[in-house]
Amino acid sequence: MCEEAGTRLQRSAVSPNIRERRDFSVAIFDGAGDLVAQAAHIPVHLGSAGDAVAAARQAIDFAPGDVAILNDPYAGGTHLPDLTMVRPVFLPRTKRPAWFLVDRAHHADIGGANPGSMGPAADLIAEGLVLPPVLLRRRGVLQDDLLRLFRHNVRGPAERLLDLRAQEASLQLLEQRLLLLAASWGAAELQRYSRHLMDYAERLARATVAGLRPGRHVAADALEDDGQGNGPLPIRLALTVARSRLHFDWSASAAQAKGGVNANRSVVTAACVYALRCLCPDRVPTNAGLFRLLAITTRSGTVVDPRSPAPVAGGNVETSQRLVDVAFQALQRAAGGTLPACSAGTMSNLSLGGSTFAFYETLPGGAGAGRCRHGLSAVQTHMTNTRNTPVEEMEHRWPVQVRSLTIRRDSGGRGVRRGGDGIVKAIVPQVDVTVSFLGERHRGGPPGALGGGPGSPGGLWHEVRGRRQRLPSKCVRQVAAGEAIIVQTPGGGGHGRA
C-alpha cells in the first residue's frame, strides 16, 4: 500500500526532483506514533519520520479532515527542502486517530538565500522558509492563507504547490486502502496484526544482534569542513553490544558547526536504524520493532544534536552518510569483518537557478566493495535511494546543456574486490545562474576495508574559456552563460588486500 501511494505521488508530481529522481518516501504509523510499514524509499526520510508524527501530535489536536505539513528540523523535520505531510486516519465514531499517514518529499526550492535552498548558510533562516507543524487542511478545508505565504517565499511556486497536491493525493489513496482493509478484517484485528508484525521484526533483529561480538566498539571519522572555514569536524561513536541491544553513543562528536552540516537527532536515529537493518536478513520488515533494539545517546550543542537556529541543510545529506560510515566501522568489529568498505560517503548535492527557477539533484558515486563482490559504479548509496536526473529532462526543463556524463574509470579503491567508480558530469548553463554545491570526500577518498585501498576523492571545478578553477566542496558560485561546472564524485573503497 505504501509502494502504491508512492507511485501515485511520483506520477502526480511535476518536478523532476520527485517525478524522475523519486526523492520522496511514504509510511504508515499507528495511533501511538509507531512505524507500522514503509515503502522502500529514502532511508534518511523514513528512519526520521516518526519524530515528525510526534511533533505534529504534540502541536495539533487533530480532527477528521485535517492535514498537517512541517519542515522545521527542530520540530520533527530533517532539513528545510524536505516537506513532510501528516494525515490522521479516524475510524467511524472515534475521537482519536487510529493511524497517521506520512509522506516526505524533497522540494527543489524552499526559499532562502540561494536557489535550491542547499547552499552554505550561517543560520537556519538563511536556508529557507521554516514551517513548524501547521494545518494545510482544517477539517477538510484548504488553508489559503498558508498557501499564499508559502507561494511568496519559494522559487518556482507553481511547481511547489502542484507537488504539495501530489503529496495530498498520495495520502488520500493510502487512507482509502487502509480503511478498506480495516472494513474487511476489522480495525481491532488489523491493529493487532500490526503489533504482531512489529514483534516479528524485533525477534528477527534480536537474533541478528545476538550473533555480534558483545562489548564496546569505538570508531571515528570526520567531516572535512562546514563550508564556513571550520574543520575537520570529528564524528565519534562508542557502540555497545549487550543483551541483544545496540547502544550508539555519539556524544563525543564535534561541537555544532557554524555551517550547515549539523544533523539533528532525527537524522542520527535514521542512520542507526539503517545500520541495524543492513545487518538483518532481507525478510525482516522495517517497522517499530527494529527501533526497540536501539538506545541512542547524543550531546546537545554538537554536530549530531545541534541547537536552533544552527543551519542543517547538509546534515540530512552529508553528515548522515558519515554517520553510516562510522556506524559500519564499529559494526565491522562486532560482526567479524562482514560489512562492506565505505561507499562514496557523499550525495554531491548540486543546485542551480535564478530568481524564477531552481534545479536540484544529487549525483551518484561508487559503492564500497564487500566480501563477495566488487562495488557497483555510479549508484546512490546508504541514506539516499534516488535515481539519476535524465539528461533529456534537464535540458528540456531548464536552460542548461549537459556537455558530458560519464563513468569515472578506475576511481574505485583497489583490493581483492574493487570499489565502484564515481561519475564525471559537466553542465553548461545557457543563462547566468547561481550554482550551489554541497559535498564531502574531496580531500581524502572513502576508506577501504580489510586492507582494501581507498576510493578516489571527488572534486568540483568552474571552467571559463577552457581554463579550470577548483572550487571548495561547499560553495556558492555565480556562473555565466556558456561557462561550465564539472563534478567528479568519489569512488568506493576496496575490500581485501590485493
Foldseek 3Di string as FASTA:
>chain_A
DQVVLLVLLLVQADDCQCVVFVQKWKFKAFLVLWTLATDPAFLLCVLLQSQLVVLLVVVDQDDPQWKKWFAALVRRHWARQWIKIWHFADDPPDRGGGMIIMMIGRHQKAAADARSLQAKDQWRVNSHDGGHIDTCTHNNHGDVVVLVVRQVGIFQSVSVVSSVVSNVSSVVVVSVVVVVVCVVPNSVVVVVVSVVLLQVLLVQLLVLLVQWAFDKFKFKDFFAAQLPPDDGWMFIWIWGRDPSAIETERAPTAFAHSIAQATAQSSLSSLVLLLSVVSGDPPRGDINSSVVRYHYHYDERHSHHYDPGRHHSNNSFQVSLVSNQRSVNRRCNGNVNQDFFRFLRGQWWKKKDDRRDIDIGGWFFKHTDGPPAAIAGGAHDDRHHTDDSDQVVDVVPAQKHWPDKAWPPPQWWDAPHTIYTGIKTKMFGQAKMKMWIAIGQQVHAGEGEAQIHGGHGKWKWKADPRDIDTDDRRHIDTHGGGIMIMIGTTTTTYYHHD
